[in-house]
């Protein structure tokens, strides 16, 4: 759990809203923004694969509307390669790569010990299930491995890097096999002990760090979370499993509160908030689908769910009454916009420019007062980041018969040996890329806004606070929590600021 030093520091974090009151209302509270140039890039598709590599975002392959290739073959499968620095402007790198056209494949960044970092493409449907492996050091030149791949051909599997190895798990034809290698170039694939989760495909695997008080101490554990998917007899899942640092599988929940689904997109996202620094990043899932509803071949979801530990989940966007607050669910039908949901999409970590030009963040050497948690670069929550964060104030403490004078700061940056803060024009964001809205493929790319991080069940800070720059809720008095949905402890409610209450209660709920 957090030390008393961290709790003491966080209990006195103050928002600039105290000196500069936040407006009573906020306008344009959309949680996602369409990147306007993205639709002019690659063709609408689903079942593609994406990765971030060498400072660029990559989209490879997938399934599009029918087209005729240079070889005069009509198909829906692609083998093209696209890249973008910002998620908005996309450049065609290869129209037809040396590997076969495919969908349902994986694209994973791996630190290959023989060559350095590479981007690895594996499996997929081309059109039958495949088990070929290709890798690239630059996204332009692709090399196929020379050895015989021991695991069976498959698509809609998942792949991830964990414990210095590259892993493949599950897929179609339905299986729950898990394989790993320490060198994708040399091979050395070893089948791992039987996974305890049922056979499945269309599931998600995501690297996720569980940190500090979420674990019950000050450590950080790197895990891989496996969730959702479809299995035998078209059974769909909403269970959640984790692969821990000892390569042991653990069931986190047999039935999460979100509906059963496959082809969702999952992402671990450190928003650089001071809460994330203490409790660790949040893990999100976005949309997905389940097979058929009697009308369409795929019933799609437009919801968004979040967790820190994989056990306790909260729904953030609202899709009640058929209208979602997640703008990426909308497609054009006739003369209007209809919210249908999305499946077969991908998500990546990106950045976005801040609406007010910059946010203020803690200095590069700032740490909590107990010297446990690094706070450098974490966002100082302010209603208006054009104002400087509050300065220090003198306080007097009696220790025995001696009075000690010290300087306290309410910016949440703890102790800093040099400058307490600096400004930055960009903050982390989520990119949601292409996919299929029902039976309609799209090529749009959406980027998350501040309000994505402040939304719970379709409401900004539960309608009881202000969404500060960078996506942190500054709660009304007596309220606290990530989304201002908790009551602050009476002993601290009168003494601490809105952000202090949020962090304090969040920490106490994890003790």
Foldseek 3Di string as FASTA:
>chain_A
DDDVLQLVQLLAFFFCCVVVPFDLDDPPLFFWDFQVQQQVDDAFFFQWEWDQDPQKIKTAKGFHPWDADPVRDTGRFFGWMWIDNFSRDIDTQGRHAPDAGFGQWYWEWAQAPVPGIKIKIAWGPSPNFDGWIWIDPPRRDIDTADDDAPDDGFGQWYWYAAPQWIKIAAGPVWDGWIWIDNHPNVHRIDTDPGDPDGTFGLKDKEWFKFAALLVPHGGIWIKIKIAWGAHPPQRTAGWIWIQTNVRDIDTQGRHAPDDTFGQKEKYWDDLLALLCLRGNTKIKIAKGWGADDPPFRTQIDGWMWIDNRRNDIFTFWACPPQRISNVVQWDDDDPDIGRQHFGSKYKDKRKDFWPLQKFKAFDQQFDRQVRRTQNHGHTQFHSHRVDDADDWDWDWDDDPNDIDIDTRGNRSRHDDPDDGIDIDGMTMWMKIAWGARRPRGGGIIMITALQSQQGGNNDGLVSAFDRTTSNATQGHQQFEARSSPHGFDPVSRVPHGSSSRHSSVVSVVSD
